[in-house]
Amino acid sequence: MPLDSQVPPPEPFRIPPGPGRGGVILGLGIVALFLLGPVVGIPAWIMGQHDLRRIRKGEIVARQRPITQVGMILGIFGTFLVFLSILLGVVFSLSRAHAVQQTKEAMINEATTIASVAYRYRTRSSDSSGGGGSYQGFILPEDLKHSASGIYYVRIISADRLQIVGWSRKQHKNGLVAEVDSTGSVSSWIFSGDFEPGKPFFFKRRHPEEDETNKEVIRILGAGAGRVRPALAAGFSALS
């Protein structure tokens, strides 16, 4: 028998397992969870999957598996946590905007109702406890001073004009001023806070002195007169 037939065949050459990137992946996962979210979370996720495949093939030492898995999981959590936070933020913002719009519409309707009540007072004769063609002496009924949406009071400007001031019961920085003309119609609106702050809305100018009247209301609100909340006064002061 030849001697060379008794020599075992040589072992196939194997590349020794590498050290892997478990520490880097773990670090990225931690940073993703507490700071940067998907910016480093997605790389940790991809690198983790790649290294786990190499560990299963024996190309990376098995002791790297635990920290690689933990880093990848932290990267996944950090990524989805940021996306979930953004989604919740958008939902909250839309919900809040809807609530603000509902309050605004309700307060506009309530101010319009107060204007109608004041006009009925104006058109009644003085013998029937009315104004006899004037807003002077009009007192806002108690049931109209407070509602689920707002709180209101009335300021008599002249026999032919009055202003209705209201502020939101739930969002105290939000408010409005409605100016009522001699026909009982609201001739102009001023909004504060989330009701489009600092922007007067004039639907129709019926009085040349309207701007001066608005400035006078702003001055009184800014001085904190009556029961107007400071937040509302601050919002209107931007118009002065």
C-alpha atoms as a PDB file:
ATOM      1  CA  MET A   1       0.000   0.000   0.000  1.00  0.00           C
ATOM      2  CA  PRO A   2       1.509   3.384  -0.902  1.00  0.00           C
ATOM      3  CA  LEU A   3       2.398   5.588   2.019  1.00  0.00           C
ATOM      4  CA  ASP A   4       0.655   8.605   0.584  1.00  0.00           C
ATOM      5  CA  SER A   5      -2.662   6.767   0.650  1.00  0.00           C
ATOM      6  CA  GLN A   6      -2.540   6.717   4.453  1.00  0.00           C
ATOM      7  CA  VAL A   7      -2.215  10.546   4.786  1.00  0.00           C
ATOM      8  CA  PRO A   8      -5.553  12.185   5.620  1.00  0.00           C
ATOM      9  CA  PRO A   9      -6.717  14.924   3.236  1.00  0.00           C
ATOM     10  CA  PRO A  10      -5.994  18.465   4.435  1.00  0.00           C
ATOM     11  CA  GLU A  11      -8.753  20.359   6.286  1.00  0.00           C
ATOM     12  CA  PRO A  12     -10.477  23.008   4.156  1.00  0.00           C
ATOM     13  CA  PHE A  13      -9.308  26.505   4.972  1.00  0.00           C
ATOM     14  CA  ARG A  14     -11.792  28.451   7.152  1.00  0.00           C
ATOM     15  CA  ILE A  15     -11.714  32.140   7.861  1.00  0.00           C
ATOM     16  CA  PRO A  16     -11.819  32.595  11.636  1.00  0.00           C
ATOM     17  CA  PRO A  17     -14.954  34.331  12.979  1.00  0.00           C
ATOM     18  CA  GLY A  18     -14.665  38.071  13.106  1.00  0.00           C
ATOM     19  CA  PRO A  19     -15.340  40.252  16.167  1.00  0.00           C
ATOM     20  CA  GLY A  20     -18.514  41.779  14.730  1.00  0.00           C
ATOM     21  CA  ARG A  21     -20.018  45.215  15.394  1.00  0.00           C
ATOM     22  CA  GLY A  22     -22.155  44.440  18.407  1.00  0.00           C
ATOM     23  CA  GLY A  23     -20.823  47.362  20.435  1.00  0.00           C
ATOM     24  CA  VAL A  24     -21.445  49.839  17.628  1.00  0.00           C
ATOM     25  CA  ILE A  25     -24.951  48.501  17.012  1.00  0.00           C
ATOM     26  CA  LEU A  26     -25.765  48.660  20.723  1.00  0.00           C
ATOM     27  CA  GLY A  27     -24.514  52.246  20.917  1.00  0.00           C
ATOM     28  CA  LEU A  28     -26.595  53.269  17.909  1.00  0.00           C
ATOM     29  CA  GLY A  29     -29.643  51.590  19.409  1.00  0.00           C
ATOM     30  CA  ILE A  30     -29.272  53.454  22.702  1.00  0.00           C
ATOM     31  CA  VAL A  31     -28.825  56.789  20.934  1.00  0.00           C
ATOM     32  CA  ALA A  32     -31.845  56.018  18.727  1.00  0.00           C
ATOM     33  CA  LEU A  33     -34.033  55.302  21.737  1.00  0.00           C
ATOM     34  CA  PHE A  34     -33.165  58.420  23.707  1.00  0.00           C
ATOM     35  CA  LEU A  35     -32.019  61.021  21.169  1.00  0.00           C
ATOM     36  CA  LEU A  36     -31.996  60.685  17.398  1.00  0.00           C
ATOM     37  CA  GLY A  37     -34.664  58.103  16.640  1.00  0.00           C
ATOM     38  CA  PRO A  38     -34.678  56.894  13.034  1.00  0.00           C
ATOM     39  CA  VAL A  39     -31.517  58.867  12.156  1.00  0.00           C
ATOM     40  CA  VAL A  40     -29.422  56.184  13.856  1.00  0.00           C
ATOM     41  CA  GLY A  41     -32.194  53.681  14.619  1.00  0.00           C
ATOM     42  CA  ILE A  42     -32.562  52.553  11.009  1.00  0.00           C
ATOM     43  CA  PRO A  43     -28.792  51.960  10.594  1.00  0.00           C
ATOM     44  CA  ALA A  44     -28.788  49.979  13.862  1.00  0.00           C
ATOM     45  CA  TRP A  45     -31.707  47.920  12.559  1.00  0.00           C
ATOM     46  CA  ILE A  46     -30.033  47.154   9.206  1.00  0.00           C
ATOM     47  CA  MET A  47     -26.581  46.490  10.677  1.00  0.00           C
ATOM     48  CA  GLY A  48     -28.094  44.245  13.339  1.00  0.00           C
ATOM     49  CA  GLN A  49     -29.919  42.086  10.810  1.00  0.00           C
ATOM     50  CA  HIS A  50     -26.777  41.798   8.688  1.00  0.00           C
ATOM     51  CA  ASP A  51     -24.551  40.804  11.612  1.00  0.00           C
ATOM     52  CA  LEU A  52     -27.043  38.281  12.976  1.00  0.00           C
ATOM     53  CA  ARG A  53     -27.042  36.536   9.596  1.00  0.00           C
ATOM     54  CA  ARG A  54     -23.234  36.414   9.694  1.00  0.00           C
ATOM     55  CA  ILE A  55     -23.325  35.030  13.254  1.00  0.00           C
ATOM     56  CA  ARG A  56     -25.609  32.216  12.114  1.00  0.00           C
ATOM     57  CA  LYS A  57     -23.129  31.436   9.324  1.00  0.00           C
ATOM     58  CA  GLY A  58     -20.246  31.405  11.769  1.00  0.00           C
ATOM     59  CA  GLU A  59     -18.584  34.453  10.249  1.00  0.00           C
ATOM     60  CA  ILE A  60     -18.872  36.409  13.535  1.00  0.00           C
ATOM     61  CA  VAL A  61     -18.215  35.031  17.003  1.00  0.00           C
ATOM     62  CA  ALA A  62     -21.351  33.810  18.733  1.00  0.00           C
ATOM     63  CA  ARG A  63     -20.790  35.928  21.840  1.00  0.00           C
ATOM     64  CA  GLN A  64     -21.697  39.006  19.769  1.00  0.00           C
ATOM     65  CA  ARG A  65     -25.290  37.780  19.372  1.00  0.00           C
ATOM     66  CA  PRO A  66     -26.796  39.209  22.624  1.00  0.00           C
ATOM     67  CA  ILE A  67     -25.515  42.774  22.273  1.00  0.00           C
ATOM     68  CA  THR A  68     -26.245  42.769  18.533  1.00  0.00           C
ATOM     69  CA  GLN A  69     -29.841  41.705  19.177  1.00  0.00           C
ATOM     70  CA  VAL A  70     -30.300  44.258  21.952  1.00  0.00           C
ATOM     71  CA  GLY A  71     -28.875  47.055  19.798  1.00  0.00           C
ATOM     72  CA  MET A  72     -31.100  46.131  16.859  1.00  0.00           C
ATOM     73  CA  ILE A  73     -34.218  45.984  19.052  1.00  0.00           C
ATOM     74  CA  LEU A  74     -33.408  49.365  20.606  1.00  0.00           C
ATOM     75  CA  GLY A  75     -32.963  50.797  17.118  1.00  0.00           C
ATOM     76  CA  ILE A  76     -36.364  49.445  16.057  1.00  0.00           C
ATOM     77  CA  PHE A  77     -38.044  50.821  19.197  1.00  0.00           C
ATOM     78  CA  GLY A  78     -36.335  54.200  18.802  1.00  0.00           C
ATOM     79  CA  THR A  79     -37.426  54.455  15.173  1.00  0.00           C
ATOM     80  CA  PHE A  80     -41.060  53.557  15.789  1.00  0.00           C
ATOM     81  CA  LEU A  81     -41.202  55.676  18.953  1.00  0.00           C
ATOM     82  CA  VAL A  82     -40.374  58.803  16.966  1.00  0.00           C
ATOM     83  CA  PHE A  83     -42.874  57.957  14.219  1.00  0.00           C
ATOM     84  CA  LEU A  84     -45.534  57.246  16.861  1.00  0.00           C
ATOM     85  CA  SER A  85     -44.783  60.551  18.593  1.00  0.00           C
ATOM     86  CA  ILE A  86     -45.128  62.412  15.295  1.00  0.00           C
ATOM     87  CA  LEU A  87     -48.428  60.657  14.564  1.00  0.00           C
ATOM     88  CA  LEU A  88     -49.802  61.450  18.021  1.00  0.00           C
ATOM     89  CA  GLY A  89     -48.642  65.049  17.662  1.00  0.00           C
ATOM     90  CA  VAL A  90     -50.461  65.415  14.357  1.00  0.00           C
ATOM     91  CA  VAL A  91     -53.629  63.851  15.799  1.00  0.00           C
ATOM     92  CA  PHE A  92     -53.469  66.123  18.861  1.00  0.00           C
ATOM     93  CA  SER A  93     -52.874  69.202  16.710  1.00  0.00           C
ATOM     94  CA  LEU A  94     -55.802  68.400  14.426  1.00  0.00           C
ATOM     95  CA  SER A  95     -58.037  67.659  17.410  1.00  0.00           C
ATOM     96  CA  ARG A  96     -57.079  70.926  19.085  1.00  0.00           C
ATOM     97  CA  ALA A  97     -57.596  72.911  15.885  1.00  0.00           C
ATOM     98  CA  HIS A  98     -61.044  71.340  15.515  1.00  0.00           C
ATOM     99  CA  ALA A  99     -61.918  72.229  19.116  1.00  0.00           C
ATOM    100  CA  VAL A 100     -60.740  75.821  18.628  1.00  0.00           C
ATOM    101  CA  GLN A 101     -62.777  76.158  15.432  1.00  0.00           C
ATOM    102  CA  GLN A 102     -65.872  74.780  17.154  1.00  0.00           C
ATOM    103  CA  THR A 103     -65.434  77.249  20.019  1.00  0.00           C
ATOM    104  CA  LYS A 104     -64.965  80.130  17.594  1.00  0.00           C
ATOM    105  CA  GLU A 105     -68.112  79.250  15.656  1.00  0.00           C
ATOM    106  CA  ALA A 106     -70.109  78.811  18.866  1.00  0.00           C
ATOM    107  CA  MET A 107     -68.941  82.176  20.238  1.00  0.00           C
ATOM    108  CA  ILE A 108     -69.748  83.940  16.970  1.00  0.00           C
ATOM    109  CA  ASN A 109     -73.262  82.473  17.093  1.00  0.00           C
ATOM    110  CA  GLU A 110     -73.675  83.473  20.745  1.00  0.00           C
ATOM    111  CA  ALA A 111     -72.439  87.014  20.092  1.00  0.00           C
ATOM    112  CA  THR A 112     -74.882  87.275  17.189  1.00  0.00           C
ATOM    113  CA  THR A 113     -77.677  86.139  19.504  1.00  0.00           C
ATOM    114  CA  ILE A 114     -76.694  88.815  22.045  1.00  0.00           C
ATOM    115  CA  ALA A 115     -76.756  91.393  19.237  1.00  0.00           C
ATOM    116  CA  SER A 116     -80.320  90.332  18.352  1.00  0.00           C
ATOM    117  CA  VAL A 117     -81.424  90.620  21.990  1.00  0.00           C
ATOM    118  CA  ALA A 118     -79.858  94.080  22.228  1.00  0.00           C
ATOM    119  CA  TYR A 119     -81.571  95.169  19.021  1.00  0.00           C
ATOM    120  CA  ARG A 120     -84.969  94.001  20.288  1.00  0.00           C
ATOM    121  CA  TYR A 121     -84.358  96.102  23.408  1.00  0.00           C
ATOM    122  CA  ARG A 122     -83.458  99.083  21.218  1.00  0.00           C
ATOM    123  CA  THR A 123     -86.620  98.819  19.124  1.00  0.00           C
ATOM    124  CA  ARG A 124     -88.968  98.510  22.113  1.00  0.00           C
ATOM    125  CA  SER A 125     -90.469 101.679  23.483  1.00  0.00           C
ATOM    126  CA  SER A 126     -89.331 103.000  26.815  1.00  0.00           C
ATOM    127  CA  ASP A 127     -92.829 102.348  28.161  1.00  0.00           C
ATOM    128  CA  SER A 128     -92.279  98.638  27.448  1.00  0.00           C
ATOM    129  CA  SER A 129     -88.904  98.540  29.258  1.00  0.00           C
ATOM    130  CA  GLY A 130     -87.039  99.111  26.002  1.00  0.00           C
ATOM    131  CA  GLY A 131     -84.499 101.595  24.775  1.00  0.00           C
ATOM    132  CA  GLY A 132     -86.881 103.659  22.665  1.00  0.00           C
ATOM    133  CA  GLY A 133     -84.526 103.613  19.671  1.00  0.00           C
ATOM    134  CA  SER A 134     -81.314 103.530  21.728  1.00  0.00           C
ATOM    135  CA  TYR A 135     -78.945 100.935  23.146  1.00  0.00           C
ATOM    136  CA  GLN A 136     -78.486 103.065  26.254  1.00  0.00           C
ATOM    137  CA  GLY A 137     -79.612 101.229  29.370  1.00  0.00           C
ATOM    138  CA  PHE A 138     -79.306  97.758  27.851  1.00  0.00           C
ATOM    139  CA  ILE A 139     -78.236  95.136  30.403  1.00  0.00           C
ATOM    140  CA  LEU A 140     -77.084  91.740  29.244  1.00  0.00           C
ATOM    141  CA  PRO A 141     -79.395  89.025  30.650  1.00  0.00           C
ATOM    142  CA  GLU A 142     -77.718  86.675  33.108  1.00  0.00           C
ATOM    143  CA  ASP A 143     -78.410  83.604  30.990  1.00  0.00           C
ATOM    144  CA  LEU A 144     -76.413  85.152  28.121  1.00  0.00           C
ATOM    145  CA  LYS A 145     -73.398  86.173  30.189  1.00  0.00           C
ATOM    146  CA  HIS A 146     -72.122  82.606  30.491  1.00  0.00           C
ATOM    147  CA  SER A 147     -72.267  79.612  28.196  1.00  0.00           C
ATOM    148  CA  ALA A 148     -70.392  76.374  27.687  1.00  0.00           C
ATOM    149  CA  SER A 149     -68.202  78.152  25.131  1.00  0.00           C
ATOM    150  CA  GLY A 150     -67.602  81.643  26.471  1.00  0.00           C
ATOM    151  CA  ILE A 151     -68.161  84.482  28.901  1.00  0.00           C
ATOM    152  CA  TYR A 152     -69.545  87.814  27.662  1.00  0.00           C
ATOM    153  CA  TYR A 153     -70.218  91.381  28.604  1.00  0.00           C
ATOM    154  CA  VAL A 154     -71.571  94.362  26.681  1.00  0.00           C
ATOM    155  CA  ARG A 155     -70.121  97.862  26.380  1.00  0.00           C
ATOM    156  CA  ILE A 156     -72.477 100.624  25.239  1.00  0.00           C
ATOM    157  CA  ILE A 157     -70.643 102.987  22.892  1.00  0.00           C
ATOM    158  CA  SER A 158     -73.508 105.246  21.851  1.00  0.00           C
ATOM    159  CA  ALA A 159     -77.247 105.193  21.301  1.00  0.00           C
ATOM    160  CA  ASP A 160     -76.650 103.474  17.967  1.00  0.00           C
ATOM    161  CA  ARG A 161     -73.689 101.237  18.701  1.00  0.00           C
ATOM    162  CA  LEU A 162     -72.517  98.711  21.241  1.00  0.00           C
ATOM    163  CA  GLN A 163     -69.730  96.178  21.516  1.00  0.00           C
ATOM    164  CA  ILE A 164     -69.939  92.588  22.717  1.00  0.00           C
ATOM    165  CA  VAL A 165     -66.749  91.303  24.325  1.00  0.00           C
ATOM    166  CA  GLY A 166     -66.315  87.575  24.873  1.00  0.00           C
ATOM    167  CA  TRP A 167     -63.521  85.196  25.761  1.00  0.00           C
ATOM    168  CA  SER A 168     -63.339  81.434  25.651  1.00  0.00           C
ATOM    169  CA  ARG A 169     -64.158  79.557  28.823  1.00  0.00           C
ATOM    170  CA  LYS A 170     -61.673  76.760  28.083  1.00  0.00           C
ATOM    171  CA  GLN A 171     -58.985  78.567  26.047  1.00  0.00           C
ATOM    172  CA  HIS A 172     -58.601  81.804  27.964  1.00  0.00           C
ATOM    173  CA  LYS A 173     -56.315  83.505  25.440  1.00  0.00           C
ATOM    174  CA  ASN A 174     -58.978  83.226  22.743  1.00  0.00           C
ATOM    175  CA  GLY A 175     -61.594  85.914  22.487  1.00  0.00           C
ATOM    176  CA  LEU A 176     -63.550  88.275  20.290  1.00  0.00           C
ATOM    177  CA  VAL A 177     -65.089  91.722  20.106  1.00  0.00           C
ATOM    178  CA  ALA A 178     -68.224  92.172  18.001  1.00  0.00           C
ATOM    179  CA  GLU A 179     -69.398  95.659  17.124  1.00  0.00           C
ATOM    180  CA  VAL A 180     -73.157  95.975  16.648  1.00  0.00           C
ATOM    181  CA  ASP A 181     -74.642  98.762  14.547  1.00  0.00           C
ATOM    182  CA  SER A 182     -78.015 100.496  14.691  1.00  0.00           C
ATOM    183  CA  THR A 183     -79.686  97.696  12.708  1.00  0.00           C
ATOM    184  CA  GLY A 184     -78.630  94.981  15.155  1.00  0.00           C
ATOM    185  CA  SER A 185     -76.065  93.549  12.723  1.00  0.00           C
ATOM    186  CA  VAL A 186     -72.460  92.816  13.631  1.00  0.00           C
ATOM    187  CA  SER A 187     -70.486  95.238  11.470  1.00  0.00           C
ATOM    188  CA  SER A 188     -66.980  94.108  12.501  1.00  0.00           C
ATOM    189  CA  TRP A 189     -65.132  91.432  14.446  1.00  0.00           C
ATOM    190  CA  ILE A 190     -61.819  91.454  16.274  1.00  0.00           C
ATOM    191  CA  PHE A 191     -60.323  88.095  17.255  1.00  0.00           C
ATOM    192  CA  SER A 192     -57.627  87.261  19.771  1.00  0.00           C
ATOM    193  CA  GLY A 193     -55.418  84.231  20.418  1.00  0.00           C
ATOM    194  CA  ASP A 194     -56.130  81.198  18.258  1.00  0.00           C
ATOM    195  CA  PHE A 195     -59.031  83.032  16.686  1.00  0.00           C
ATOM    196  CA  GLU A 196     -56.451  84.422  14.230  1.00  0.00           C
ATOM    197  CA  PRO A 197     -54.558  86.746  16.602  1.00  0.00           C
ATOM    198  CA  GLY A 198     -53.950  90.340  15.695  1.00  0.00           C
ATOM    199  CA  LYS A 199     -56.176  90.320  12.620  1.00  0.00           C
ATOM    200  CA  PRO A 200     -59.384  92.408  12.604  1.00  0.00           C
ATOM    201  CA  PHE A 201     -62.128  91.106  10.350  1.00  0.00           C
ATOM    202  CA  PHE A 202     -64.319  93.878   8.952  1.00  0.00           C
ATOM    203  CA  PHE A 203     -67.253  92.402   7.069  1.00  0.00           C
ATOM    204  CA  LYS A 204     -68.702  95.819   6.281  1.00  0.00           C
ATOM    205  CA  ARG A 205     -67.715  99.275   7.413  1.00  0.00           C
ATOM    206  CA  ARG A 206     -70.797 101.168   8.507  1.00  0.00           C
ATOM    207  CA  HIS A 207     -69.125 103.838  10.633  1.00  0.00           C
ATOM    208  CA  PRO A 208     -66.227 106.161   9.696  1.00  0.00           C
ATOM    209  CA  GLU A 209     -65.147 106.236  13.335  1.00  0.00           C
ATOM    210  CA  GLU A 210     -64.950 102.437  13.561  1.00  0.00           C
ATOM    211  CA  ASP A 211     -61.146 102.289  13.819  1.00  0.00           C
ATOM    212  CA  GLU A 212     -61.102 104.809  16.650  1.00  0.00           C
ATOM    213  CA  THR A 213     -63.720 102.778  18.488  1.00  0.00           C
ATOM    214  CA  ASN A 214     -61.655  99.621  18.113  1.00  0.00           C
ATOM    215  CA  LYS A 215     -58.595 101.409  19.486  1.00  0.00           C
ATOM    216  CA  GLU A 216     -60.620 102.580  22.455  1.00  0.00           C
ATOM    217  CA  VAL A 217     -61.736  99.011  23.214  1.00  0.00           C
ATOM    218  CA  ILE A 218     -58.159  97.804  22.899  1.00  0.00           C
ATOM    219  CA  ARG A 219     -56.998 100.531  25.294  1.00  0.00           C
ATOM    220  CA  ILE A 220     -59.583  99.533  27.872  1.00  0.00           C
ATOM    221  CA  LEU A 221     -58.822  95.828  27.521  1.00  0.00           C
ATOM    222  CA  GLY A 222     -55.096  96.490  27.733  1.00  0.00           C
ATOM    223  CA  ALA A 223     -55.633  98.403  30.975  1.00  0.00           C
ATOM    224  CA  GLY A 224     -57.332  95.340  32.439  1.00  0.00           C
ATOM    225  CA  ALA A 225     -60.667  97.054  32.967  1.00  0.00           C
ATOM    226  CA  GLY A 226     -63.762  95.054  33.838  1.00  0.00           C
ATOM    227  CA  ARG A 227     -63.550  91.283  33.933  1.00  0.00           C
ATOM    228  CA  VAL A 228     -61.453  90.763  30.809  1.00  0.00           C
ATOM    229  CA  ARG A 229     -58.746  88.184  31.294  1.00  0.00           C
ATOM    230  CA  PRO A 230     -55.145  89.408  30.862  1.00  0.00           C
ATOM    231  CA  ALA A 231     -54.480  86.877  28.093  1.00  0.00           C
ATOM    232  CA  LEU A 232     -57.304  88.328  26.023  1.00  0.00           C
ATOM    233  CA  ALA A 233     -56.121  91.864  26.651  1.00  0.00           C
ATOM    234  CA  ALA A 234     -52.602  90.933  25.577  1.00  0.00           C
ATOM    235  CA  GLY A 235     -53.926  89.409  22.386  1.00  0.00           C
ATOM    236  CA  PHE A 236     -55.855  92.568  21.482  1.00  0.00           C
ATOM    237  CA  SER A 237     -52.966  94.879  22.372  1.00  0.00           C
ATOM    238  CA  ALA A 238     -51.179  93.733  19.225  1.00  0.00           C
ATOM    239  CA  LEU A 239     -53.746  95.690  17.201  1.00  0.00           C
ATOM    240  CA  SER A 240     -53.152  99.028  18.915  1.00  0.00           C
END
